[in-house]
Amino acid sequence: MKKYLPILFAVILMLTACGQKPVFVVSSNDDNSISVTADRGPKDCMGIGYLTVGENEQIAVDADFNPDGKLALRFMDGVLGSSDFPDEPAAEASISGSDSMTFTAEPGEYTVAVIAQSKLTGNALIYTKPIV
């Protein structure tokens, strides 16, 4: 029986890991950034965050997801709830895998809808930085 204990223990560990629920979390941070954390986050999950773009600032996105992971970002003018989203966003972008990107936006407050376009595992950070 003693020789089977390590195998039994390994099987129990694998089975308990299989019971974990998928995670997809989007959160606005105090430093004017939005964090996205996913662990087997299902396709079409959505969260919202808020970002303020100042004068001479641009929006940057750094992603570190599984190679086939993909996020859609929809930027809406103002601070909105999900029921107030306009039909057309002010801007849209997609990011996948371990990519980074920057783009300019008019100064102001934005509501950012973050949508998983595939099953996701990893992290992303959406933030502002000076235009150089």
N, C-alpha and C. Protein backbone atom coordinates (compact mmCIF):
# COMPACT_ATOMS: atom_id res chain seq x y z
N MET A 1 0.82 -1.20 0.00
CA MET A 1 0.00 0.00 0.00
C MET A 1 0.86 1.26 0.00
N LYS A 2 2.01 1.21 0.72
CA LYS A 2 2.86 2.39 0.81
C LYS A 2 3.38 2.83 -0.55
N LYS A 3 3.65 1.86 -1.43
CA LYS A 3 4.17 2.24 -2.73
C LYS A 3 3.13 2.93 -3.60
N TYR A 4 1.85 2.77 -3.29
CA TYR A 4 0.79 3.42 -4.06
C TYR A 4 0.40 4.79 -3.52
N LEU A 5 0.85 5.15 -2.33
CA LEU A 5 0.48 6.44 -1.74
C LEU A 5 0.91 7.63 -2.60
N PRO A 6 2.15 7.68 -3.13
CA PRO A 6 2.52 8.83 -3.98
C PRO A 6 1.63 8.93 -5.23
N ILE A 7 1.28 7.80 -5.81
CA ILE A 7 0.42 7.83 -7.00
C ILE A 7 -0.97 8.31 -6.63
N LEU A 8 -1.50 7.80 -5.51
CA LEU A 8 -2.82 8.22 -5.05
C LEU A 8 -2.84 9.71 -4.75
N PHE A 9 -1.79 10.20 -4.10
CA PHE A 9 -1.68 11.63 -3.78
C PHE A 9 -1.65 12.48 -5.05
N ALA A 10 -0.90 12.04 -6.06
CA ALA A 10 -0.83 12.78 -7.32
C ALA A 10 -2.19 12.82 -8.02
N VAL A 11 -2.90 11.70 -8.00
CA VAL A 11 -4.23 11.65 -8.62
C VAL A 11 -5.19 12.60 -7.90
N ILE A 12 -5.15 12.63 -6.58
CA ILE A 12 -6.01 13.54 -5.80
C ILE A 12 -5.69 14.98 -6.16
N LEU A 13 -4.41 15.33 -6.26
CA LEU A 13 -4.03 16.70 -6.62
C LEU A 13 -4.54 17.07 -8.01
N MET A 14 -4.43 16.17 -8.96
CA MET A 14 -4.90 16.46 -10.32
C MET A 14 -6.41 16.65 -10.33
N LEU A 15 -7.13 15.82 -9.61
CA LEU A 15 -8.59 15.92 -9.60
C LEU A 15 -9.06 17.21 -8.93
N THR A 16 -8.39 17.65 -7.87
CA THR A 16 -8.81 18.90 -7.24
C THR A 16 -8.51 20.09 -8.15
N ALA A 17 -7.47 20.04 -8.94
CA ALA A 17 -7.17 21.13 -9.88
C ALA A 17 -8.21 21.18 -10.98
N CYS A 18 -8.76 20.03 -11.36
CA CYS A 18 -9.77 20.01 -12.42
C CYS A 18 -11.05 20.70 -11.98
N GLY A 19 -11.29 20.79 -10.69
CA GLY A 19 -12.51 21.40 -10.19
C GLY A 19 -12.44 22.91 -10.08
N GLN A 20 -11.30 23.52 -10.39
CA GLN A 20 -11.19 24.97 -10.29
C GLN A 20 -12.03 25.64 -11.37
N LYS A 21 -12.66 26.74 -10.99
CA LYS A 21 -13.50 27.47 -11.94
C LYS A 21 -12.64 28.42 -12.77
N PRO A 22 -13.07 28.68 -14.02
CA PRO A 22 -12.35 29.66 -14.85
C PRO A 22 -12.43 31.05 -14.22
N VAL A 23 -11.41 31.85 -14.48
CA VAL A 23 -11.34 33.20 -13.92
C VAL A 23 -11.14 34.20 -15.05
N PHE A 24 -11.90 35.30 -15.01
CA PHE A 24 -11.70 36.43 -15.91
C PHE A 24 -12.05 37.68 -15.11
N VAL A 25 -11.03 38.45 -14.72
CA VAL A 25 -11.22 39.61 -13.85
C VAL A 25 -10.64 40.85 -14.53
N VAL A 26 -11.45 41.90 -14.58
CA VAL A 26 -11.02 43.20 -15.09
C VAL A 26 -11.18 44.19 -13.94
N SER A 27 -10.10 44.89 -13.57
CA SER A 27 -10.21 45.82 -12.45
C SER A 27 -9.47 47.12 -12.73
N SER A 28 -10.10 48.22 -12.33
CA SER A 28 -9.48 49.55 -12.41
C SER A 28 -8.61 49.73 -11.18
N ASN A 29 -7.40 50.25 -11.39
CA ASN A 29 -6.45 50.43 -10.30
C ASN A 29 -6.30 51.90 -9.93
N ASP A 30 -5.79 52.15 -8.73
CA ASP A 30 -5.60 53.52 -8.25
C ASP A 30 -4.58 54.30 -9.07
N ASP A 31 -3.71 53.61 -9.81
CA ASP A 31 -2.67 54.29 -10.59
C ASP A 31 -3.11 54.59 -12.03
N ASN A 32 -4.44 54.67 -12.26
CA ASN A 32 -4.99 54.97 -13.58
C ASN A 32 -4.62 53.90 -14.60
N SER A 33 -4.77 52.66 -14.20
CA SER A 33 -4.54 51.54 -15.12
C SER A 33 -5.67 50.53 -14.94
N ILE A 34 -5.76 49.62 -15.88
CA ILE A 34 -6.76 48.55 -15.84
C ILE A 34 -6.00 47.23 -15.94
N SER A 35 -6.24 46.34 -15.00
CA SER A 35 -5.62 45.01 -15.00
C SER A 35 -6.61 43.98 -15.49
N VAL A 36 -6.12 43.05 -16.29
CA VAL A 36 -6.92 41.92 -16.74
C VAL A 36 -6.18 40.66 -16.32
N THR A 37 -6.87 39.79 -15.58
CA THR A 37 -6.29 38.53 -15.13
C THR A 37 -7.23 37.41 -15.55
N ALA A 38 -6.68 36.39 -16.21
CA ALA A 38 -7.50 35.28 -16.68
C ALA A 38 -6.79 33.96 -16.40
N ASP A 39 -7.59 32.98 -16.02
CA ASP A 39 -7.11 31.61 -15.87
C ASP A 39 -8.18 30.72 -16.50
N ARG A 40 -7.94 30.34 -17.74
CA ARG A 40 -8.91 29.58 -18.53
C ARG A 40 -10.21 30.36 -18.70
N GLY A 41 -10.09 31.70 -18.78
CA GLY A 41 -11.26 32.56 -18.97
C GLY A 41 -11.96 32.23 -20.27
N PRO A 42 -13.26 31.96 -20.23
CA PRO A 42 -13.97 31.55 -21.45
C PRO A 42 -14.14 32.67 -22.47
N LYS A 43 -14.28 32.28 -23.70
CA LYS A 43 -14.54 33.22 -24.80
C LYS A 43 -15.82 34.00 -24.49
N ASP A 44 -15.84 35.27 -24.86
CA ASP A 44 -16.97 36.19 -24.72
C ASP A 44 -17.20 36.69 -23.30
N CYS A 45 -16.30 36.38 -22.35
CA CYS A 45 -16.39 37.01 -21.03
C CYS A 45 -16.08 38.49 -21.20
N MET A 46 -16.71 39.32 -20.39
CA MET A 46 -16.49 40.76 -20.51
C MET A 46 -16.39 41.39 -19.14
N GLY A 47 -15.59 42.42 -19.05
CA GLY A 47 -15.48 43.25 -17.86
C GLY A 47 -15.26 44.68 -18.30
N ILE A 48 -15.47 45.63 -17.37
CA ILE A 48 -15.24 47.02 -17.71
C ILE A 48 -14.28 47.65 -16.71
N GLY A 49 -13.55 48.63 -17.20
CA GLY A 49 -12.63 49.41 -16.38
C GLY A 49 -12.68 50.86 -16.84
N TYR A 50 -12.01 51.72 -16.09
CA TYR A 50 -12.05 53.16 -16.37
C TYR A 50 -10.63 53.70 -16.47
N LEU A 51 -10.44 54.62 -17.40
CA LEU A 51 -9.12 55.17 -17.69
C LEU A 51 -9.27 56.65 -18.00
N THR A 52 -8.37 57.46 -17.46
CA THR A 52 -8.34 58.89 -17.77
C THR A 52 -7.10 59.19 -18.58
N VAL A 53 -7.29 59.78 -19.76
CA VAL A 53 -6.18 60.16 -20.64
C VAL A 53 -5.97 61.66 -20.48
N GLY A 54 -4.75 62.06 -20.12
CA GLY A 54 -4.41 63.46 -19.96
C GLY A 54 -3.82 64.06 -21.22
N GLU A 55 -3.55 65.35 -21.16
CA GLU A 55 -2.88 66.04 -22.26
C GLU A 55 -1.52 65.39 -22.51
N ASN A 56 -1.15 65.22 -23.76
CA ASN A 56 0.13 64.64 -24.15
C ASN A 56 0.34 63.22 -23.61
N GLU A 57 -0.75 62.47 -23.48
CA GLU A 57 -0.65 61.08 -23.06
C GLU A 57 -1.22 60.17 -24.15
N GLN A 58 -0.76 58.93 -24.15
CA GLN A 58 -1.27 57.91 -25.05
C GLN A 58 -1.68 56.70 -24.23
N ILE A 59 -2.44 55.81 -24.83
CA ILE A 59 -2.87 54.58 -24.17
C ILE A 59 -1.91 53.47 -24.58
N ALA A 60 -1.48 52.69 -23.60
CA ALA A 60 -0.58 51.55 -23.84
C ALA A 60 -1.25 50.28 -23.32
N VAL A 61 -0.99 49.19 -24.01
CA VAL A 61 -1.52 47.88 -23.60
C VAL A 61 -0.37 46.88 -23.70
N ASP A 62 -0.14 46.17 -22.59
CA ASP A 62 0.85 45.10 -22.54
C ASP A 62 0.11 43.81 -22.19
N ALA A 63 0.20 42.81 -23.05
CA ALA A 63 -0.48 41.54 -22.81
C ALA A 63 0.54 40.41 -22.67
N ASP A 64 0.20 39.46 -21.85
CA ASP A 64 1.01 38.26 -21.68
C ASP A 64 0.05 37.08 -21.50
N PHE A 65 -0.57 36.66 -22.60
CA PHE A 65 -1.56 35.58 -22.61
C PHE A 65 -1.00 34.36 -23.32
N ASN A 66 -1.76 33.27 -23.23
CA ASN A 66 -1.43 32.08 -24.00
C ASN A 66 -1.32 32.50 -25.48
N PRO A 67 -0.50 31.82 -26.28
CA PRO A 67 -0.24 32.26 -27.66
C PRO A 67 -1.48 32.50 -28.52
N ASP A 68 -2.55 31.73 -28.31
CA ASP A 68 -3.75 31.94 -29.12
C ASP A 68 -4.80 32.77 -28.38
N GLY A 69 -4.44 33.35 -27.24
CA GLY A 69 -5.36 34.21 -26.49
C GLY A 69 -5.53 35.56 -27.16
N LYS A 70 -6.75 36.09 -27.14
CA LYS A 70 -7.02 37.36 -27.81
C LYS A 70 -8.07 38.16 -27.04
N LEU A 71 -7.80 39.47 -26.88
CA LEU A 71 -8.71 40.40 -26.22
C LEU A 71 -9.18 41.46 -27.19
N ALA A 72 -10.43 41.86 -27.05
CA ALA A 72 -10.95 43.03 -27.76
C ALA A 72 -11.12 44.13 -26.73
N LEU A 73 -10.76 45.35 -27.10
CA LEU A 73 -10.90 46.51 -26.22
C LEU A 73 -11.80 47.52 -26.91
N ARG A 74 -12.83 47.97 -26.22
CA ARG A 74 -13.73 48.98 -26.77
C ARG A 74 -13.74 50.18 -25.82
N PHE A 75 -13.35 51.32 -26.34
CA PHE A 75 -13.24 52.54 -25.56
C PHE A 75 -14.47 53.42 -25.82
N MET A 76 -15.19 53.78 -24.75
CA MET A 76 -16.35 54.65 -24.85
C MET A 76 -16.08 55.94 -24.09
N ASP A 77 -16.49 57.07 -24.67
CA ASP A 77 -16.32 58.36 -24.01
C ASP A 77 -17.13 58.42 -22.72
N GLY A 78 -16.50 58.89 -21.64
CA GLY A 78 -17.20 59.10 -20.38
C GLY A 78 -17.15 57.88 -19.47
N VAL A 79 -17.71 58.07 -18.28
CA VAL A 79 -17.80 57.00 -17.29
C VAL A 79 -19.20 56.42 -17.38
N LEU A 80 -19.29 55.20 -17.88
CA LEU A 80 -20.58 54.56 -18.16
C LEU A 80 -20.70 53.23 -17.42
N GLY A 81 -21.94 52.80 -17.23
CA GLY A 81 -22.22 51.44 -16.79
C GLY A 81 -22.47 50.60 -18.02
N SER A 82 -22.45 49.29 -17.87
CA SER A 82 -22.60 48.41 -19.05
C SER A 82 -23.93 48.60 -19.75
N SER A 83 -24.96 49.04 -19.04
CA SER A 83 -26.26 49.24 -19.69
C SER A 83 -26.31 50.54 -20.49
N ASP A 84 -25.30 51.41 -20.33
CA ASP A 84 -25.26 52.70 -21.02
C ASP A 84 -24.34 52.71 -22.23
N PHE A 85 -23.78 51.56 -22.63
CA PHE A 85 -22.84 51.55 -23.73
C PHE A 85 -23.51 52.03 -25.01
N PRO A 86 -22.84 52.92 -25.75
CA PRO A 86 -23.37 53.34 -27.04
C PRO A 86 -23.21 52.22 -28.08
N ASP A 87 -23.95 52.34 -29.17
CA ASP A 87 -23.85 51.34 -30.23
C ASP A 87 -22.46 51.33 -30.85
N GLU A 88 -21.86 52.49 -30.99
CA GLU A 88 -20.53 52.61 -31.60
C GLU A 88 -19.54 53.14 -30.57
N PRO A 89 -18.45 52.40 -30.29
CA PRO A 89 -17.43 52.90 -29.37
C PRO A 89 -16.62 54.03 -30.01
N ALA A 90 -15.94 54.80 -29.16
CA ALA A 90 -15.07 55.86 -29.66
C ALA A 90 -13.87 55.27 -30.38
N ALA A 91 -13.39 54.11 -29.90
CA ALA A 91 -12.25 53.43 -30.52
C ALA A 91 -12.31 51.95 -30.16
N GLU A 92 -11.69 51.13 -31.01
CA GLU A 92 -11.60 49.69 -30.77
C GLU A 92 -10.19 49.22 -31.07
N ALA A 93 -9.77 48.18 -30.35
CA ALA A 93 -8.46 47.58 -30.60
C ALA A 93 -8.52 46.12 -30.20
N SER A 94 -7.61 45.33 -30.73
CA SER A 94 -7.45 43.93 -30.35
C SER A 94 -5.99 43.69 -30.03
N ILE A 95 -5.77 42.78 -29.08
CA ILE A 95 -4.40 42.40 -28.74
C ILE A 95 -4.39 40.91 -28.46
N SER A 96 -3.30 40.26 -28.83
CA SER A 96 -3.24 38.81 -28.65
C SER A 96 -1.88 38.38 -28.15
N GLY A 97 -1.85 37.17 -27.60
CA GLY A 97 -0.60 36.57 -27.15
C GLY A 97 0.18 37.45 -26.20
N SER A 98 1.43 37.67 -26.50
CA SER A 98 2.31 38.50 -25.66
C SER A 98 2.68 39.79 -26.38
N ASP A 99 1.68 40.45 -26.95
CA ASP A 99 1.91 41.68 -27.70
C ASP A 99 1.83 42.92 -26.80
N SER A 100 2.35 44.01 -27.32
CA SER A 100 2.22 45.33 -26.71
C SER A 100 1.83 46.30 -27.80
N MET A 101 1.10 47.35 -27.43
CA MET A 101 0.75 48.37 -28.42
C MET A 101 0.47 49.68 -27.71
N THR A 102 0.56 50.77 -28.49
CA THR A 102 0.19 52.10 -28.00
C THR A 102 -0.65 52.77 -29.07
N PHE A 103 -1.52 53.67 -28.64
CA PHE A 103 -2.28 54.48 -29.58
C PHE A 103 -2.74 55.74 -28.90
N THR A 104 -3.03 56.74 -29.69
CA THR A 104 -3.43 58.03 -29.13
C THR A 104 -4.94 58.11 -29.01
N ALA A 105 -5.36 58.94 -28.06
CA ALA A 105 -6.78 59.20 -27.84
C ALA A 105 -6.91 60.63 -27.33
N GLU A 106 -8.04 61.23 -27.58
CA GLU A 106 -8.29 62.57 -27.07
C GLU A 106 -8.27 62.55 -25.55
N PRO A 107 -7.77 63.61 -24.91
CA PRO A 107 -7.81 63.67 -23.45
C PRO A 107 -9.26 63.54 -22.95
N GLY A 108 -9.43 62.83 -21.85
CA GLY A 108 -10.76 62.67 -21.26
C GLY A 108 -10.88 61.36 -20.51
N GLU A 109 -12.09 61.10 -20.02
CA GLU A 109 -12.36 59.87 -19.29
C GLU A 109 -12.98 58.85 -20.24
N TYR A 110 -12.56 57.60 -20.08
CA TYR A 110 -13.04 56.52 -20.94
C TYR A 110 -13.49 55.33 -20.11
N THR A 111 -14.56 54.71 -20.57
CA THR A 111 -14.97 53.41 -20.07
C THR A 111 -14.43 52.41 -21.08
N VAL A 112 -13.75 51.39 -20.57
CA VAL A 112 -13.13 50.40 -21.45
C VAL A 112 -13.80 49.05 -21.22
N ALA A 113 -14.43 48.54 -22.28
CA ALA A 113 -14.99 47.18 -22.24
C ALA A 113 -13.91 46.23 -22.71
N VAL A 114 -13.62 45.21 -21.92
CA VAL A 114 -12.58 44.23 -22.23
C VAL A 114 -13.29 42.90 -22.46
N ILE A 115 -13.14 42.35 -23.67
CA ILE A 115 -13.87 41.14 -24.05
C ILE A 115 -12.89 40.05 -24.48
N ALA A 116 -13.03 38.87 -23.90
CA ALA A 116 -12.20 37.73 -24.31
C ALA A 116 -12.71 37.22 -25.64
N GLN A 117 -11.85 37.18 -26.64
CA GLN A 117 -12.23 36.68 -27.96
C GLN A 117 -11.82 35.22 -28.16
N SER A 118 -11.20 34.65 -27.13
CA SER A 118 -10.82 33.25 -27.13
C SER A 118 -10.62 32.85 -25.68
N LYS A 119 -10.38 31.59 -25.43
CA LYS A 119 -10.09 31.14 -24.08
C LYS A 119 -8.75 31.76 -23.66
N LEU A 120 -8.70 32.38 -22.48
CA LEU A 120 -7.53 33.15 -22.07
C LEU A 120 -6.93 32.65 -20.77
N THR A 121 -5.60 32.64 -20.74
CA THR A 121 -4.85 32.46 -19.51
C THR A 121 -3.69 33.43 -19.56
N GLY A 122 -3.58 34.28 -18.53
CA GLY A 122 -2.50 35.25 -18.47
C GLY A 122 -2.98 36.58 -17.93
N ASN A 123 -2.25 37.64 -18.28
CA ASN A 123 -2.52 38.98 -17.75
C ASN A 123 -2.35 40.02 -18.84
N ALA A 124 -3.01 41.16 -18.63
CA ALA A 124 -2.80 42.33 -19.48
C ALA A 124 -2.90 43.57 -18.60
N LEU A 125 -2.23 44.63 -19.02
CA LEU A 125 -2.29 45.91 -18.33
C LEU A 125 -2.57 46.99 -19.37
N ILE A 126 -3.60 47.80 -19.10
CA ILE A 126 -3.98 48.92 -19.96
C ILE A 126 -3.72 50.17 -19.14
N TYR A 127 -2.93 51.10 -19.69
CA TYR A 127 -2.53 52.26 -18.90
C TYR A 127 -2.21 53.43 -19.83
N THR A 128 -1.97 54.59 -19.23
CA THR A 128 -1.57 55.75 -20.02
C THR A 128 -0.10 56.04 -19.74
N LYS A 129 0.54 56.66 -20.74
CA LYS A 129 1.93 57.07 -20.57
C LYS A 129 2.17 58.28 -21.47
N PRO A 130 3.20 59.05 -21.17
CA PRO A 130 3.48 60.25 -21.97
C PRO A 130 3.78 59.91 -23.43
N ILE A 131 3.36 60.80 -24.32
CA ILE A 131 3.71 60.65 -25.74
C ILE A 131 5.15 61.11 -25.88
N VAL A 132 5.97 60.28 -26.51
CA VAL A 132 7.38 60.65 -26.68
C VAL A 132 7.68 60.89 -28.13
